[in-house]
């Protein structure tokens, strides 16, 4: 199928393009920009007047409950590729489980799903999982999800094995013993509310361990969902020193801090927790500098999981449909260009995945495209969210930035034009 997207403002952060250009798609790939390729006759014309045309968004952390619901939410948010952790249900430590997830997602024909395989068997932190067979089954890297590896020798062996075969390891840096009893940032708000705190050192101690082992083994390390300015600074120094480390930040942590807990608002309970205003500013600066990329950390939960005392409520918020508008809001506050705003959710994640065919719109790239109205306002309500999870601290807010159409592999999968 051949499609031309006309009259849009084409933004491609990887190639620093921001111009009024038509986009030509053929056989699931980008065929050209600007001038039509020789002999190109479109089967469909999409008028993108007044819209931004950019690469499909890539979300490096999304939990999927009801698969169809969440993938519909993804494409409604302009997300064409998402990564899911290995602890959403039965641990993804067997190739059959990974193959089934990838196949089910492909059969739905919506967003592309890339699973993380379990780093250890049953995520118990002891024996290594069969990484080679999981890789063949479609796992793009290996992780423990939210499950720790307490034995640092076992962690070293995992790093060594992964480095030997060129596998990447994705870990959430949070020391188990420093965080196991906590619910909120160890600061003034937790003290006032009588909540057990999780100190920043829970993150920095784990980062120090992981960076040391990564430097010793040469493994490709990705740190998931940083929450502190100190942690961001450690990663920036390691990158400058040549350590093969990348990281991401949950978009909520760029807008919220410990004070947003208010009086025990469970929609503002996150893992890792919302930290201080200084930490929030440090995370914003780190993403703007290119040290980190952004993710939604999408965690759809039903109301029963949030209508509980703060310490008993499950952490997390729905985020697939909010990733784009919250990224635009962050960029506007920091006076960043649209090109700079979109890089942490397009070309940046694609580079971390090692996918040259994703996250850009040069000829030959996969025809994953998002069309959005950057200034169109919409109100975040339960009815406006396609995700089964309506749990978000932004419920009732008016945000700017509305996805109008999404294409995956050259196929229109969402249309609100």
Protein backbone atom coordinates (compact mmCIF):
# COMPACT_ATOMS: atom_id res chain seq x y z
CA UNK A 1 0.00 0.00 0.00
CA UNK A 2 1.27 3.47 -0.91
CA UNK A 3 0.35 6.47 1.22
CA UNK A 4 1.27 10.12 1.01
CA UNK A 5 0.92 12.34 4.09
CA UNK A 6 0.60 15.89 2.77
CA UNK A 7 0.82 19.42 4.15
CA UNK A 8 2.19 18.46 7.57
CA UNK A 9 5.06 19.84 9.62
CA UNK A 10 7.51 16.95 9.44
CA UNK A 11 9.79 16.60 12.48
CA UNK A 12 12.54 13.97 12.54
CA UNK A 13 14.81 14.48 15.59
CA UNK A 14 17.42 11.96 14.45
CA UNK A 15 18.10 13.90 11.26
CA UNK A 16 17.31 17.35 12.73
CA UNK A 17 14.48 17.94 10.26
CA UNK A 18 11.71 20.42 11.03
CA UNK A 19 10.08 21.51 7.80
CA UNK A 20 6.88 21.55 5.79
CA UNK A 21 7.39 18.37 3.80
CA UNK A 22 5.22 15.59 2.43
CA UNK A 23 5.95 12.04 3.56
CA UNK A 24 5.73 9.09 1.19
CA UNK A 25 5.19 5.53 2.43
CA UNK A 26 5.31 2.30 0.43
CA UNK A 27 5.28 -1.37 1.40
CA UNK A 28 5.60 -0.60 5.10
CA UNK A 29 8.64 1.64 4.73
CA UNK A 30 9.40 5.31 4.23
CA UNK A 31 9.83 5.82 0.50
CA UNK A 32 10.81 9.48 0.62
CA UNK A 33 10.20 12.97 1.95
CA UNK A 34 9.63 16.26 0.16
CA UNK A 35 9.43 15.22 -3.49
CA UNK A 36 7.54 12.11 -4.53
CA UNK A 37 9.73 9.16 -5.59
CA UNK A 38 9.78 8.47 -9.31
CA UNK A 39 6.63 6.66 -10.38
CA UNK A 40 4.97 6.99 -6.95
CA UNK A 41 1.17 6.82 -7.21
CA UNK A 42 -0.55 6.82 -3.82
CA UNK A 43 -3.42 4.53 -2.87
CA UNK A 44 -4.33 6.89 -0.02
CA UNK A 45 -3.75 10.57 0.70
CA UNK A 46 -3.76 11.84 4.29
CA UNK A 47 -4.09 15.58 4.76
CA UNK A 48 -1.97 16.64 7.75
CA UNK A 49 -2.64 20.38 7.52
CA UNK A 50 -2.02 21.98 10.90
CA UNK A 51 -0.48 18.79 12.30
CA UNK A 52 2.98 17.61 13.26
CA UNK A 53 4.14 14.46 11.47
CA UNK A 54 6.81 12.61 13.43
CA UNK A 55 8.18 9.10 13.95
CA UNK A 56 5.95 6.78 15.94
CA UNK A 57 6.70 7.09 19.64
CA UNK A 58 8.74 4.39 21.40
CA UNK A 59 7.91 3.60 25.03
CA UNK A 60 10.60 1.70 26.94
CA UNK A 61 8.43 0.71 29.91
CA UNK A 62 4.79 -0.33 29.75
CA UNK A 63 2.90 -2.97 31.68
CA UNK A 64 0.12 -4.60 29.71
CA UNK A 65 -2.96 -5.94 31.45
CA UNK A 66 -5.71 -6.58 28.91
CA UNK A 67 -3.50 -6.66 25.85
CA UNK A 68 -5.98 -5.36 23.29
CA UNK A 69 -7.13 -2.49 25.54
CA UNK A 70 -3.60 -1.35 26.24
CA UNK A 71 -2.40 -1.59 22.65
CA UNK A 72 -5.43 0.44 21.56
CA UNK A 73 -4.42 3.00 24.18
CA UNK A 74 -0.85 2.94 22.86
CA UNK A 75 -1.76 3.80 19.26
CA UNK A 76 -4.28 6.39 20.50
CA UNK A 77 -1.27 8.02 22.15
CA UNK A 78 0.91 7.82 19.04
CA UNK A 79 3.01 4.95 20.42
CA UNK A 80 3.99 2.40 17.79
CA UNK A 81 6.57 0.34 19.71
CA UNK A 82 6.62 -0.50 23.40
CA UNK A 83 8.80 -2.57 25.71
CA UNK A 84 7.20 -4.63 28.46
CA UNK A 85 8.94 -6.05 31.57
CA UNK A 86 9.27 -9.75 32.39
CA UNK A 87 7.19 -9.65 35.58
CA UNK A 88 3.73 -8.69 34.33
CA UNK A 89 2.42 -12.18 35.10
CA UNK A 90 4.21 -15.52 34.91
CA UNK A 91 7.94 -14.66 34.65
CA UNK A 92 9.09 -14.48 31.03
CA UNK A 93 11.78 -17.09 31.57
CA UNK A 94 10.58 -19.55 28.93
CA UNK A 95 10.71 -18.93 25.17
CA UNK A 96 7.14 -20.16 24.68
CA UNK A 97 5.81 -17.36 26.88
CA UNK A 98 7.75 -14.69 25.02
CA UNK A 99 6.74 -16.07 21.61
CA UNK A 100 3.08 -16.14 22.66
CA UNK A 101 3.16 -12.51 23.80
CA UNK A 102 4.83 -11.30 20.60
CA UNK A 103 2.43 -13.38 18.46
CA UNK A 104 -0.69 -12.16 20.27
CA UNK A 105 0.41 -8.56 19.86
CA UNK A 106 1.20 -9.09 16.17
CA UNK A 107 -2.21 -10.70 15.60
CA UNK A 108 -3.92 -7.60 16.98
CA UNK A 109 -2.11 -5.49 14.40
CA UNK A 110 -1.70 -2.45 16.64
CA UNK A 111 1.50 -1.36 18.40
CA UNK A 112 4.65 -3.50 18.21
CA UNK A 113 5.51 -5.26 21.52
CA UNK A 114 9.13 -5.99 22.47
CA UNK A 115 9.41 -8.11 25.62
CA UNK A 116 12.22 -8.13 28.14
CA UNK A 117 13.23 -11.65 29.08
CA UNK A 118 13.82 -12.77 32.65
CA UNK A 119 17.46 -12.43 33.68
CA UNK A 120 17.17 -15.28 36.19
CA UNK A 121 14.94 -18.33 36.35
CA UNK A 122 11.52 -17.46 37.79
CA UNK A 123 13.05 -14.03 38.56
CA UNK A 124 14.35 -15.52 41.80
CA UNK A 125 17.76 -13.90 41.43
CA UNK A 126 19.77 -17.12 41.54
CA UNK A 127 20.17 -19.27 38.42
CA UNK A 128 20.49 -17.54 35.06
CA UNK A 129 17.61 -17.91 32.63
CA UNK A 130 18.21 -19.36 29.17
CA UNK A 131 19.03 -16.01 27.61
CA UNK A 132 20.05 -17.35 24.21
CA UNK A 133 16.75 -19.14 23.63
CA UNK A 134 14.77 -16.18 24.99
CA UNK A 135 16.61 -13.91 22.57
CA UNK A 136 15.59 -16.15 19.66
CA UNK A 137 12.01 -16.02 20.94
CA UNK A 138 11.91 -12.24 20.58
CA UNK A 139 13.26 -10.85 23.86
CA UNK A 140 15.27 -7.72 23.20
CA UNK A 141 17.16 -7.58 26.53
CA UNK A 142 17.06 -9.09 30.02
CA UNK A 143 15.71 -7.74 33.27
CA UNK A 144 14.43 -8.59 36.73
CA UNK A 145 11.48 -6.22 36.48
CA UNK A 146 10.91 -5.14 40.06
CA UNK A 147 12.49 -8.28 41.52
CA UNK A 148 15.98 -7.87 43.04
CA UNK A 149 19.15 -9.92 42.75
CA UNK A 150 20.50 -9.90 46.30
CA UNK A 151 23.62 -11.96 45.58
CA UNK A 152 26.14 -9.64 43.90
CA UNK A 153 28.21 -12.62 42.74
CA UNK A 154 25.16 -13.91 40.86
CA UNK A 155 24.73 -10.42 39.42
CA UNK A 156 28.38 -10.38 38.29
CA UNK A 157 27.94 -13.76 36.58
CA UNK A 158 24.84 -12.44 34.80
CA UNK A 159 26.75 -9.38 33.58
CA UNK A 160 29.66 -11.53 32.40
CA UNK A 161 27.42 -13.94 30.52
CA UNK A 162 25.41 -11.15 28.89
CA UNK A 163 28.57 -9.30 27.88
CA UNK A 164 30.03 -12.44 26.31
CA UNK A 165 27.04 -12.88 23.99
CA UNK A 166 26.27 -9.21 23.40
CA UNK A 167 23.02 -9.15 25.37
CA UNK A 168 21.84 -5.99 27.11
CA UNK A 169 20.72 -5.93 30.75
CA UNK A 170 17.99 -3.57 31.96
CA UNK A 171 17.70 -3.05 35.72
CA UNK A 172 15.77 -0.77 38.04
CA UNK A 173 18.37 0.67 40.44
CA UNK A 174 16.87 0.26 43.88
CA UNK A 175 18.65 -1.37 46.80
CA UNK A 176 16.28 -3.94 48.28
CA UNK A 177 17.23 -3.48 51.92
CA UNK A 178 17.10 0.32 51.80
CA UNK A 179 13.71 0.40 50.08
CA UNK A 180 11.78 -2.69 51.19
CA UNK A 181 9.67 -1.03 53.90
CA UNK A 182 9.19 2.37 52.25
CA UNK A 183 6.28 3.97 50.43
CA UNK A 184 7.44 7.53 49.66
CA UNK A 185 10.51 9.70 49.30
CA UNK A 186 12.42 9.99 52.57
CA UNK A 187 11.76 13.70 53.07
CA UNK A 188 9.58 16.26 54.75
CA UNK A 189 6.28 15.05 53.27
CA UNK A 190 6.78 11.44 54.33
CA UNK A 191 7.76 12.62 57.81
CA UNK A 192 4.65 14.83 58.08
CA UNK A 193 2.33 12.07 56.90
CA UNK A 194 3.98 9.37 58.98
CA UNK A 195 5.00 7.32 55.94
CA UNK A 196 8.13 5.18 55.93
CA UNK A 197 10.56 6.78 53.49
CA UNK A 198 12.81 5.45 50.76
CA UNK A 199 16.08 7.42 50.73
CA UNK A 200 17.83 8.57 47.56
CA UNK A 201 20.71 6.33 48.66
CA UNK A 202 18.50 3.33 47.82
CA UNK A 203 18.94 4.38 44.19
CA UNK A 204 22.53 5.62 44.25
CA UNK A 205 23.89 2.56 46.10
CA UNK A 206 22.36 0.30 43.45
CA UNK A 207 23.60 2.52 40.60
CA UNK A 208 27.13 2.45 42.01
CA UNK A 209 27.06 -1.35 42.13
CA UNK A 210 25.66 -1.72 38.63
CA UNK A 211 28.06 0.80 37.10
CA UNK A 212 31.06 -0.86 38.73
CA UNK A 213 30.09 -4.27 37.37
CA UNK A 214 29.26 -2.81 33.96
CA UNK A 215 32.68 -1.13 33.75
CA UNK A 216 34.39 -4.38 34.75
CA UNK A 217 32.47 -6.61 32.31
CA UNK A 218 31.70 -4.29 29.39
CA UNK A 219 28.02 -5.27 29.39
CA UNK A 220 25.47 -2.92 27.80
CA UNK A 221 23.50 -1.65 30.78
CA UNK A 222 20.22 0.23 30.78
CA UNK A 223 18.98 1.70 34.06
CA UNK A 224 15.22 1.91 34.25
CA UNK A 225 13.18 4.73 35.79
CA UNK A 226 15.73 6.94 37.53
CA UNK A 227 14.17 9.15 40.19
CA UNK A 228 16.95 11.33 41.65
CA UNK A 229 19.25 14.15 40.59
CA UNK A 230 22.16 12.32 42.24
CA UNK A 231 21.44 9.18 40.22
CA UNK A 232 21.26 11.18 37.00
CA UNK A 233 24.62 12.80 37.75
CA UNK A 234 26.21 9.38 38.35
CA UNK A 235 24.99 8.11 35.00
CA UNK A 236 26.19 11.25 33.20
CA UNK A 237 29.68 10.80 34.69
CA UNK A 238 29.76 7.12 33.75
CA UNK A 239 28.72 7.93 30.17
CA UNK A 240 31.49 10.53 29.98
CA UNK A 241 33.94 7.89 31.23
CA UNK A 242 32.94 5.52 28.43
CA UNK A 243 30.75 3.07 30.35
CA UNK A 244 28.09 1.55 28.06
CA UNK A 245 25.15 2.76 30.14
CA UNK A 246 21.86 4.41 29.24
CA UNK A 247 18.82 5.26 31.34
CA UNK A 248 15.21 6.36 31.24
CA UNK A 249 12.89 8.42 33.42
CA UNK A 250 9.16 8.01 33.97
CA UNK A 251 7.41 11.05 32.47
CA UNK A 252 5.47 11.57 35.71
CA UNK A 253 8.71 12.30 37.57
CA UNK A 254 9.32 15.34 35.34
CA UNK A 255 6.07 16.95 36.48
CA UNK A 256 5.44 15.75 40.02
CA UNK A 257 7.35 15.68 43.30
CA UNK A 258 6.82 14.49 46.86
CA UNK A 259 4.37 17.33 47.61
CA UNK A 260 1.93 15.94 45.04
CA UNK A 261 1.13 13.09 47.42
CA UNK A 262 -1.01 15.71 49.16
CA UNK A 263 -3.01 13.93 51.81
CA UNK A 264 -2.33 10.32 50.86
CA UNK A 265 -3.30 10.53 47.16
CA UNK A 266 -2.71 6.95 46.04
CA UNK A 267 -2.68 8.01 42.37
CA UNK A 268 0.59 9.76 43.25
CA UNK A 269 2.17 6.60 44.64
CA UNK A 270 4.96 5.47 42.32
CA UNK A 271 7.84 3.00 42.35
CA UNK A 272 10.39 4.56 42.58
CA UNK A 273 8.66 7.29 44.59
CA UNK A 274 8.17 10.91 43.61
CA UNK A 275 11.13 12.74 45.11
CA UNK A 276 12.05 16.31 45.97
CA UNK A 277 11.64 19.37 43.78
CA UNK A 278 15.44 19.44 43.41
CA UNK A 279 15.38 15.86 42.14
CA UNK A 280 12.61 16.72 39.68
CA UNK A 281 14.69 19.60 38.32
CA UNK A 282 17.75 17.35 38.04
CA UNK A 283 15.77 14.77 36.06
CA UNK A 284 14.41 17.46 33.72
CA UNK A 285 17.92 18.73 33.08
CA UNK A 286 19.26 15.22 32.48
CA UNK A 287 16.61 14.42 29.87
CA UNK A 288 17.12 17.79 28.17
CA UNK A 289 20.88 17.12 28.02
CA UNK A 290 20.34 13.71 26.42
CA UNK A 291 21.61 11.70 29.40
CA UNK A 292 18.24 9.96 29.69
CA UNK A 293 15.17 9.23 27.57
CA UNK A 294 11.53 9.16 28.65
CA UNK A 295 9.02 6.37 29.21
CA UNK A 296 5.41 6.20 30.36
CA UNK A 297 5.95 3.44 32.94
CA UNK A 298 2.34 2.60 32.08
CA UNK A 299 0.74 0.61 34.91
CA UNK A 300 -3.01 0.15 34.40
CA UNK A 301 -4.78 -0.62 37.69
CA UNK A 302 -8.42 -0.98 38.58
CA UNK A 303 -10.00 1.24 41.20
CA UNK A 304 -9.81 -1.41 43.91
CA UNK A 305 -6.02 -1.29 43.84
CA UNK A 306 -6.02 2.46 44.52
CA UNK A 307 -8.92 2.80 46.97
CA UNK A 308 -6.76 1.61 49.82
CA UNK A 309 -4.50 3.16 52.49
CA UNK A 310 -1.44 4.76 50.84
CA UNK A 311 0.99 2.08 51.98
CA UNK A 312 -1.25 -0.75 50.75
CA UNK A 313 -2.19 0.74 47.37
CA UNK A 314 -0.33 -0.52 44.34
CA UNK A 315 2.15 1.96 42.85
CA UNK A 316 1.90 3.21 39.30
CA UNK A 317 -0.29 5.17 36.89
CA UNK A 318 -1.71 4.83 33.43
CA UNK A 319 0.56 6.61 30.99
CA UNK A 320 0.39 5.49 27.37
CA UNK A 321 -2.03 8.20 26.28
CA UNK A 322 -0.33 10.85 28.43
CA UNK A 323 3.27 10.32 27.30
CA UNK A 324 3.04 12.72 24.35
CA UNK A 325 1.13 15.61 25.98
CA UNK A 326 3.19 15.43 29.17
CA UNK A 327 6.40 15.43 27.12
CA UNK A 328 5.17 18.51 25.24
CA UNK A 329 4.28 20.17 28.55
CA UNK A 330 7.78 19.47 29.92
CA UNK A 331 9.41 20.84 26.78
CA UNK A 332 7.29 23.98 26.83
CA UNK A 333 8.24 24.67 30.45
CA UNK A 334 11.91 24.22 29.55
CA UNK A 335 11.61 26.32 26.38
CA UNK A 336 12.75 23.41 24.21
CA UNK A 337 12.00 23.05 20.51
CA UNK A 338 9.60 20.40 19.26
CA UNK A 339 12.56 18.54 17.78
CA UNK A 340 14.27 18.43 21.17
CA UNK A 341 10.98 17.48 22.83
CA UNK A 342 10.38 14.48 20.59
CA UNK A 343 13.92 13.07 20.66
CA UNK A 344 13.55 11.36 24.11
CA UNK A 345 10.47 9.45 22.89
CA UNK A 346 11.56 8.64 19.32
CA UNK A 347 15.19 8.57 18.20
CA UNK A 348 16.60 8.28 21.75
CA UNK A 349 14.76 5.06 22.65
CA UNK A 350 15.45 3.62 19.19
CA UNK A 351 19.19 4.08 19.77
CA UNK A 352 18.95 2.29 23.12
CA UNK A 353 17.15 -0.60 21.41
CA UNK A 354 19.81 -0.65 18.69
CA UNK A 355 17.10 -0.36 16.04
CA UNK A 356 18.25 1.66 13.03
CA UNK A 357 14.86 1.08 11.38
CA UNK A 358 12.83 2.78 14.12
CA UNK A 359 12.54 6.29 15.53
CA UNK A 360 13.15 8.27 12.32
CA UNK A 361 11.59 9.02 8.92
CA UNK A 362 14.50 8.69 6.49
CA UNK A 363 13.96 6.50 3.41
CA UNK A 364 14.09 2.83 4.36
CA UNK A 365 12.86 3.30 7.93
CA UNK A 366 9.77 1.45 9.08
CA UNK A 367 6.70 3.48 8.29
CA UNK A 368 5.75 4.06 11.93
CA UNK A 369 4.24 7.55 12.03
CA UNK A 370 2.41 9.74 14.52
CA UNK A 371 0.31 12.73 13.49
CA UNK A 372 -0.65 15.10 16.28
CA UNK A 373 -2.07 18.54 16.94
CA UNK A 374 0.49 20.11 19.29
CA UNK A 375 -1.76 22.77 20.76
CA UNK A 376 -5.16 21.05 20.76
CA UNK A 377 -6.45 20.90 24.34
CA UNK A 378 -8.19 17.88 25.82
CA UNK A 379 -9.30 16.93 29.29
CA UNK A 380 -8.00 13.79 30.96
CA UNK A 381 -11.09 11.87 32.08
CA UNK A 382 -11.93 8.23 32.55
CA UNK A 383 -14.03 8.41 29.40
CA UNK A 384 -11.23 9.96 27.32
CA UNK A 385 -8.75 7.18 28.15
CA UNK A 386 -8.85 3.96 26.13
CA UNK A 387 -6.67 2.11 28.65
CA UNK A 388 -8.46 -0.16 31.09
CA UNK A 389 -6.57 1.71 33.80
CA UNK A 390 -7.99 5.12 34.68
CA UNK A 391 -5.52 5.65 37.53
CA UNK A 392 -3.60 8.87 37.01
CA UNK A 393 -2.77 11.92 39.14
CA UNK A 394 -3.65 14.03 36.06
CA UNK A 395 -7.33 13.03 36.06
CA UNK A 396 -9.35 16.17 35.43
CA UNK A 397 -6.39 18.13 34.02
CA UNK A 398 -6.50 19.84 30.64
CA UNK A 399 -3.43 19.03 28.54
CA UNK A 400 -2.32 20.22 25.11
CA UNK A 401 -1.27 17.78 22.39
CA UNK A 402 -3.68 15.33 20.81
CA UNK A 403 -2.81 12.36 18.61
CA UNK A 404 -4.90 12.49 15.42
CA UNK A 405 -3.59 9.45 13.53
CA UNK A 406 -1.08 6.63 13.97
CA UNK A 407 0.42 4.32 11.37
CA UNK A 408 2.38 1.14 12.14
CA UNK A 409 4.36 -0.40 9.32
CA UNK A 410 2.53 1.81 6.87
CA UNK A 411 -0.92 0.70 8.07
CA UNK A 412 -3.33 3.22 9.64
CA UNK A 413 -4.18 1.80 13.09
CA UNK A 414 -5.72 4.88 14.72
CA UNK A 415 -7.64 7.70 13.07
CA UNK A 416 -9.19 10.71 14.79
CA UNK A 417 -8.84 13.12 11.87
